[in-house]
Amino acid sequence: MLRITANDSPRALTLPLEGTLEGPWVGELERCWHSMLEEPRITTVCVDLTGVTYIDAAGKARLTDMHKHGAEFIGGDCATKAVVAEIVGKQEATT
């Protein structure tokens, strides 16, 4: 299960995620992400992964795509920080 909430401020939209980012929940995050892209006033999206307990390969791919489109990440534990570093590192290596 994945819980997605939105904390909107004038500077950024923060999406705290809680639970597992796998299976059908990856699609739910994708739907949420695309609906946010339709909001022209949102300039910065920060995805808070501190409440995420597991990320599968599809979840990593979704986060990678979000990063390519400007999303920033907050990692919590060592495993989540490693996923964030991998995603950000891949993007920097291709630019």
N, C-alpha and C. Protein backbone atom coordinates (compact mmCIF):
# COMPACT_ATOMS: atom_id res chain seq x y z
N MET A 1 0.84 -1.17 0.00
CA MET A 1 0.00 0.00 0.00
C MET A 1 0.89 1.24 0.00
N LEU A 2 0.43 2.27 -0.67
CA LEU A 2 1.15 3.53 -0.74
C LEU A 2 0.19 4.67 -0.44
N ARG A 3 0.61 5.54 0.44
CA ARG A 3 -0.16 6.74 0.75
C ARG A 3 0.57 7.93 0.15
N ILE A 4 -0.16 8.73 -0.63
CA ILE A 4 0.39 9.92 -1.27
C ILE A 4 -0.40 11.11 -0.77
N THR A 5 0.28 12.07 -0.18
CA THR A 5 -0.37 13.31 0.23
C THR A 5 0.35 14.46 -0.44
N ALA A 6 -0.27 15.60 -0.46
CA ALA A 6 0.34 16.78 -1.07
C ALA A 6 0.34 17.93 -0.07
N ASN A 7 1.52 18.50 0.12
CA ASN A 7 1.67 19.68 0.97
C ASN A 7 2.08 20.83 0.07
N ASP A 8 1.14 21.70 -0.19
CA ASP A 8 1.35 22.80 -1.13
C ASP A 8 1.78 24.05 -0.38
N SER A 9 2.83 24.68 -0.87
CA SER A 9 3.27 25.97 -0.34
C SER A 9 3.55 26.87 -1.54
N PRO A 10 3.72 28.17 -1.30
CA PRO A 10 3.97 29.06 -2.43
C PRO A 10 5.26 28.72 -3.20
N ARG A 11 6.23 28.10 -2.54
CA ARG A 11 7.51 27.82 -3.18
C ARG A 11 7.58 26.46 -3.85
N ALA A 12 6.88 25.47 -3.29
CA ALA A 12 7.00 24.11 -3.81
C ALA A 12 5.82 23.25 -3.40
N LEU A 13 5.65 22.17 -4.11
CA LEU A 13 4.69 21.15 -3.74
C LEU A 13 5.50 19.96 -3.23
N THR A 14 5.24 19.53 -2.02
CA THR A 14 5.93 18.38 -1.45
C THR A 14 4.97 17.21 -1.41
N LEU A 15 5.44 16.07 -1.90
CA LEU A 15 4.65 14.85 -1.89
C LEU A 15 5.27 13.85 -0.92
N PRO A 16 4.79 13.78 0.30
CA PRO A 16 5.26 12.73 1.19
C PRO A 16 4.64 11.39 0.78
N LEU A 17 5.47 10.39 0.58
CA LEU A 17 5.01 9.05 0.25
C LEU A 17 5.23 8.16 1.47
N GLU A 18 4.26 7.28 1.72
CA GLU A 18 4.36 6.36 2.86
C GLU A 18 3.94 4.97 2.40
N GLY A 19 4.79 3.99 2.67
CA GLY A 19 4.46 2.61 2.31
C GLY A 19 5.41 2.07 1.27
N THR A 20 4.88 1.20 0.40
CA THR A 20 5.70 0.55 -0.61
C THR A 20 5.41 1.13 -1.99
N LEU A 21 6.47 1.39 -2.72
CA LEU A 21 6.34 1.89 -4.09
C LEU A 21 6.62 0.72 -5.02
N GLU A 22 5.56 -0.06 -5.25
CA GLU A 22 5.67 -1.27 -6.07
C GLU A 22 4.31 -1.58 -6.69
N GLY A 23 4.33 -2.43 -7.68
CA GLY A 23 3.10 -2.91 -8.30
C GLY A 23 2.14 -1.81 -8.69
N PRO A 24 0.87 -1.95 -8.31
CA PRO A 24 -0.15 -0.99 -8.73
C PRO A 24 0.07 0.42 -8.17
N TRP A 25 0.85 0.52 -7.10
CA TRP A 25 1.07 1.82 -6.47
C TRP A 25 1.97 2.70 -7.32
N VAL A 26 2.78 2.08 -8.17
CA VAL A 26 3.61 2.87 -9.10
C VAL A 26 2.71 3.61 -10.08
N GLY A 27 1.68 2.93 -10.57
CA GLY A 27 0.72 3.57 -11.47
C GLY A 27 -0.04 4.69 -10.79
N GLU A 28 -0.35 4.49 -9.52
CA GLU A 28 -1.05 5.54 -8.77
C GLU A 28 -0.17 6.79 -8.64
N LEU A 29 1.11 6.59 -8.36
CA LEU A 29 2.03 7.72 -8.29
C LEU A 29 2.14 8.40 -9.64
N GLU A 30 2.16 7.62 -10.71
CA GLU A 30 2.23 8.19 -12.06
C GLU A 30 1.00 9.05 -12.35
N ARG A 31 -0.18 8.57 -12.00
CA ARG A 31 -1.41 9.36 -12.22
C ARG A 31 -1.36 10.67 -11.42
N CYS A 32 -0.92 10.57 -10.19
CA CYS A 32 -0.80 11.76 -9.34
C CYS A 32 0.19 12.75 -9.95
N TRP A 33 1.34 12.26 -10.39
CA TRP A 33 2.38 13.08 -10.99
C TRP A 33 1.86 13.80 -12.24
N HIS A 34 1.18 13.08 -13.13
CA HIS A 34 0.67 13.70 -14.36
C HIS A 34 -0.39 14.75 -14.06
N SER A 35 -1.20 14.53 -13.05
CA SER A 35 -2.20 15.55 -12.70
C SER A 35 -1.53 16.81 -12.18
N MET A 36 -0.39 16.66 -11.49
CA MET A 36 0.34 17.84 -11.00
C MET A 36 1.00 18.60 -12.13
N LEU A 37 1.46 17.88 -13.16
CA LEU A 37 2.11 18.55 -14.28
C LEU A 37 1.14 19.46 -15.04
N GLU A 38 -0.14 19.20 -14.88
CA GLU A 38 -1.15 20.03 -15.53
C GLU A 38 -1.36 21.35 -14.82
N GLU A 39 -0.86 21.49 -13.59
CA GLU A 39 -0.97 22.73 -12.81
C GLU A 39 0.17 23.67 -13.20
N PRO A 40 -0.12 24.74 -13.93
CA PRO A 40 0.97 25.61 -14.38
C PRO A 40 1.67 26.38 -13.26
N ARG A 41 1.03 26.55 -12.12
CA ARG A 41 1.63 27.35 -11.04
C ARG A 41 2.67 26.57 -10.25
N ILE A 42 2.68 25.25 -10.39
CA ILE A 42 3.64 24.44 -9.64
C ILE A 42 4.99 24.47 -10.36
N THR A 43 5.99 25.00 -9.67
CA THR A 43 7.31 25.11 -10.29
C THR A 43 8.29 24.08 -9.74
N THR A 44 8.15 23.70 -8.49
CA THR A 44 9.05 22.74 -7.87
C THR A 44 8.24 21.65 -7.19
N VAL A 45 8.59 20.40 -7.48
CA VAL A 45 7.96 19.27 -6.81
C VAL A 45 9.05 18.51 -6.07
N CYS A 46 8.83 18.31 -4.79
CA CYS A 46 9.76 17.58 -3.94
C CYS A 46 9.05 16.32 -3.46
N VAL A 47 9.64 15.17 -3.74
CA VAL A 47 9.06 13.90 -3.32
C VAL A 47 9.79 13.43 -2.07
N ASP A 48 9.05 13.35 -0.97
CA ASP A 48 9.61 12.96 0.32
C ASP A 48 9.46 11.44 0.48
N LEU A 49 10.59 10.74 0.41
CA LEU A 49 10.60 9.28 0.46
C LEU A 49 10.90 8.73 1.86
N THR A 50 10.90 9.59 2.86
CA THR A 50 11.28 9.12 4.20
C THR A 50 10.32 8.08 4.77
N GLY A 51 9.09 8.04 4.30
CA GLY A 51 8.13 7.06 4.78
C GLY A 51 8.01 5.83 3.89
N VAL A 52 8.86 5.73 2.88
CA VAL A 52 8.80 4.59 1.96
C VAL A 52 9.63 3.44 2.53
N THR A 53 9.04 2.25 2.53
CA THR A 53 9.72 1.08 3.09
C THR A 53 10.31 0.17 2.03
N TYR A 54 9.85 0.27 0.78
CA TYR A 54 10.35 -0.58 -0.30
C TYR A 54 10.07 0.07 -1.64
N ILE A 55 11.03 -0.03 -2.56
CA ILE A 55 10.88 0.49 -3.92
C ILE A 55 11.32 -0.62 -4.88
N ASP A 56 10.41 -1.06 -5.77
CA ASP A 56 10.79 -2.08 -6.74
C ASP A 56 11.36 -1.42 -8.00
N ALA A 57 11.71 -2.23 -9.00
CA ALA A 57 12.33 -1.71 -10.23
C ALA A 57 11.40 -0.73 -10.96
N ALA A 58 10.11 -1.02 -11.00
CA ALA A 58 9.16 -0.11 -11.66
C ALA A 58 9.07 1.20 -10.89
N GLY A 59 9.14 1.13 -9.57
CA GLY A 59 9.12 2.34 -8.75
C GLY A 59 10.35 3.20 -9.01
N LYS A 60 11.52 2.55 -9.12
CA LYS A 60 12.75 3.29 -9.44
C LYS A 60 12.64 3.96 -10.80
N ALA A 61 12.07 3.23 -11.76
CA ALA A 61 11.90 3.80 -13.11
C ALA A 61 10.98 5.01 -13.08
N ARG A 62 9.90 4.93 -12.30
CA ARG A 62 8.96 6.05 -12.18
C ARG A 62 9.65 7.25 -11.56
N LEU A 63 10.41 7.03 -10.48
CA LEU A 63 11.13 8.12 -9.83
C LEU A 63 12.18 8.72 -10.76
N THR A 64 12.84 7.88 -11.55
CA THR A 64 13.83 8.37 -12.51
C THR A 64 13.17 9.29 -13.53
N ASP A 65 12.01 8.89 -14.04
CA ASP A 65 11.28 9.74 -14.99
C ASP A 65 10.85 11.05 -14.35
N MET A 66 10.40 10.98 -13.11
CA MET A 66 10.00 12.19 -12.40
C MET A 66 11.20 13.12 -12.23
N HIS A 67 12.36 12.55 -11.93
CA HIS A 67 13.57 13.36 -11.76
C HIS A 67 13.95 14.04 -13.08
N LYS A 68 13.80 13.33 -14.18
CA LYS A 68 14.09 13.90 -15.50
C LYS A 68 13.20 15.11 -15.79
N HIS A 69 12.03 15.12 -15.17
CA HIS A 69 11.08 16.23 -15.36
C HIS A 69 11.12 17.22 -14.21
N GLY A 70 12.20 17.19 -13.42
CA GLY A 70 12.41 18.23 -12.44
C GLY A 70 12.12 17.91 -10.99
N ALA A 71 11.63 16.73 -10.70
CA ALA A 71 11.33 16.39 -9.30
C ALA A 71 12.62 16.29 -8.50
N GLU A 72 12.52 16.71 -7.25
CA GLU A 72 13.62 16.58 -6.30
C GLU A 72 13.19 15.57 -5.25
N PHE A 73 14.15 14.96 -4.56
CA PHE A 73 13.83 13.90 -3.62
C PHE A 73 14.45 14.15 -2.25
N ILE A 74 13.75 13.65 -1.24
CA ILE A 74 14.26 13.60 0.13
C ILE A 74 14.30 12.13 0.50
N GLY A 75 15.47 11.63 0.86
CA GLY A 75 15.60 10.23 1.26
C GLY A 75 15.61 10.13 2.77
N GLY A 76 15.19 8.99 3.28
CA GLY A 76 15.15 8.80 4.72
C GLY A 76 16.28 7.92 5.20
N ASP A 77 16.07 6.62 5.13
CA ASP A 77 17.09 5.68 5.61
C ASP A 77 18.17 5.47 4.55
N CYS A 78 19.14 4.67 4.89
CA CYS A 78 20.28 4.44 3.98
C CYS A 78 19.84 3.85 2.65
N ALA A 79 18.90 2.90 2.66
CA ALA A 79 18.45 2.27 1.42
C ALA A 79 17.76 3.28 0.50
N THR A 80 16.91 4.11 1.06
CA THR A 80 16.21 5.11 0.26
C THR A 80 17.19 6.16 -0.27
N LYS A 81 18.13 6.57 0.56
CA LYS A 81 19.14 7.53 0.11
C LYS A 81 19.98 6.94 -1.02
N ALA A 82 20.25 5.63 -0.97
CA ALA A 82 21.00 4.98 -2.03
C ALA A 82 20.21 4.98 -3.34
N VAL A 83 18.91 4.76 -3.27
CA VAL A 83 18.06 4.80 -4.47
C VAL A 83 18.07 6.20 -5.05
N VAL A 84 17.94 7.21 -4.20
CA VAL A 84 17.96 8.60 -4.67
C VAL A 84 19.31 8.92 -5.32
N ALA A 85 20.40 8.50 -4.70
CA ALA A 85 21.73 8.75 -5.26
C ALA A 85 21.88 8.07 -6.61
N GLU A 86 21.35 6.86 -6.74
CA GLU A 86 21.41 6.14 -8.01
C GLU A 86 20.62 6.89 -9.09
N ILE A 87 19.44 7.35 -8.76
CA ILE A 87 18.60 8.06 -9.72
C ILE A 87 19.24 9.36 -10.15
N VAL A 88 19.68 10.13 -9.19
CA VAL A 88 20.30 11.44 -9.48
C VAL A 88 21.60 11.24 -10.23
N GLY A 89 22.38 10.22 -9.84
CA GLY A 89 23.64 9.94 -10.51
C GLY A 89 23.44 9.54 -11.96
N LYS A 90 22.41 8.74 -12.26
CA LYS A 90 22.11 8.35 -13.64
C LYS A 90 21.81 9.59 -14.48
N GLN A 91 21.02 10.49 -13.93
CA GLN A 91 20.64 11.70 -14.66
C GLN A 91 21.85 12.57 -14.92
N GLU A 92 22.71 12.74 -13.93
CA GLU A 92 23.90 13.58 -14.10
C GLU A 92 24.87 12.97 -15.09
N ALA A 93 24.94 11.64 -15.15
CA ALA A 93 25.85 10.96 -16.06
C ALA A 93 25.41 11.11 -17.51
N THR A 94 24.11 11.30 -17.75
CA THR A 94 23.63 11.41 -19.12
C THR A 94 23.58 12.86 -19.61
N THR A 95 23.81 13.81 -18.74
CA THR A 95 23.76 15.22 -19.16
C THR A 95 25.14 15.77 -19.40
